[in-house]
C-alpha cells in the first residue's frame, strides 16, 4: 500500500499542479513532505515496534495512514495537501518499520531469503500497477481518489494484521531515545527545506546557507546523542560492520538512482510527449514490470551466488539503464526507445529491491530486528528524499538555463513581468499547457516546442546524475561488503 500510494502520486502530480495552480516547489512538497516524515521517523518506528509490540504498532501505523489519506483527498489547497501528506508519511514509517521487524524476527536462514524475496516482489507488484492505476484513477475520477482509495484498503489490512501477525517485542528494549528522534528529524527537515528552495532563493543566500549549517549541526548533535545513550535509536556500533555499511550504501544508491525515477519519469512522459495521466501510467510499465519479476530472480540467485555480487550487478544495471535513457532523452528520441532504457533501469531496481534489505538483516541479531529495519529503511528513504529534492533542483535549474538561452536566441519574451523562474516552476511542475495557453496564438507552437526541448535536455542531465550516483554506490559496495557475510543460502 505504501509503494502503491507513492507511485499513484507520481502520475498525479501534473493534475495536482493544475488544480491548485501550484509551482514546482509546491508539488515537490507533495512528494517530499511524505518522504521526509517517512524517512525521519522510520528509526523511531523501529524503536516503537521493539518496545511496544510489532503487531500493535503495525495497526497504529495503518490507522494513521488511512485517516491521513482521507485528509489528502479532501485537502482544499496545496498547503493542506502537503500537511496531510506529512501525516501520511508518519503512518507509513510506523507500519513499514513494524512490517520489516516482523519478517526479521519470524524468519531465519533460507526462509528469510524467501521472505524478503516475496517482500520485494510485493513492492514490485505495487510499482508495476501503481502508475497505471494512478493514471486511470486520475483520468476517470480525479487525483483526489488516488488518496481516498487507501481508506477501504486500510480497513482490510487492520483485520488481517490482527488475525495473521503474532505479537513480538525486544525483551531488552529500554526507554525511547527522544533526543535522537528530535535531532535527526530536525536535521533532515532543514536539509530538504534548503534543497527545495535553493533555486528560487539562491544557493549562497543566507536563508539557504543557514538551513544547511543548522542541518549539519543537528546531525552532529544526533550522532553525539546516540554515542551517549545506553540503548540508542541508532546503534552506531553496527557501522563497524563493513557489510552493514555496504548494504546501507546500496540502499541509498538504489533509492537515489532508481526508485526516484518513479516520481520523475511520469512527469517527463506528460511534459515531453504530452501523455495524459492514464497514458503516462501505461507508459511507466517498461520500468515498473521488472520491479515485479526481478526480485524473484534475485531470490533464486541468492541460493547460488553471494549477495555482494547480486547487489553489484543490480547497481551496474541501474547505471547503464540511466545513461542509456539519458542518451535517448537528450537526443529527442521516440517513446519506444526511451522505454528500452527504462526497462534496463527497472531490471536493476528489481534486483536491488529485496536484496538490499536482506543483506542488511544478515549481520544483525534477531532481537534488534526493529532497530535494524528502521536504520535500513531510513537510509533508503533518506536517499529517496534527497534525490527527489536534489535532482529536482538540478531539473529546475537546467530547465531555467535552457529556456532562457533559447528564448534570447529566438527573441521571445517568456514572462511579461520578467519573472522567468515562475514560468519555469510551472513548466517543471507539469503545467506546460497552462503556460503555452497564455502566450499569443501565433507563438504557441514555437513556445511549446521550446519548453518541451528545454525540459527534455534538463531531464537528460537528471538521468546522467542518477547514473553517476549508481556508479559511486557500486564502487563503495565493492570496497565494503564482505563476501563471507553474504554467502549463498542453501539447505
Foldseek 3Di string as FASTA:
>chain_A
DVLLLLLLLLLCLLVQCVVQVDFQLLSLLLNLLLLLLLLLCLLVLLLCCQAVWLLVLLLVLLVQLLVLLLQLLVPPHSVSNSVSSNSNSNSVSNNQLSVQLQLLQPDDFLRSLVVLLVVLLVSLVSLQCRLQVSLVCCVPPNNSVSSNVSNVVSVVVSVCSVPPGDIHHQPPRDDALVLLSVLSSQLLVLQLVLLSCCVVQPCPDPSSVVSNVSSVVSVVVNVVSQVPDPRYSANCVLVVALLLVLLLLLLLLLQLQFVLVSNVQSLLCCQQVVDGSNVSSVLLNLQRNLSNVQSVVLSVCLQPAFLLVLSLVLLLQLLQLLLQLLVCLLVVHDSVSNSVSSNSNSNSSNSSRSSSSSSNSLPDPSSSSSSSSSSSVSSNSSSNSCSSSNLSSLLLVQLLVQLVVVCVVVVHDQDPVNPVSSVSRSSSSNPLVVSLVPDDPVCSVVSSVSSSSSSSNSVSVSSNVSSVSSVVSSVSSVVRRDRVSRHRGDD
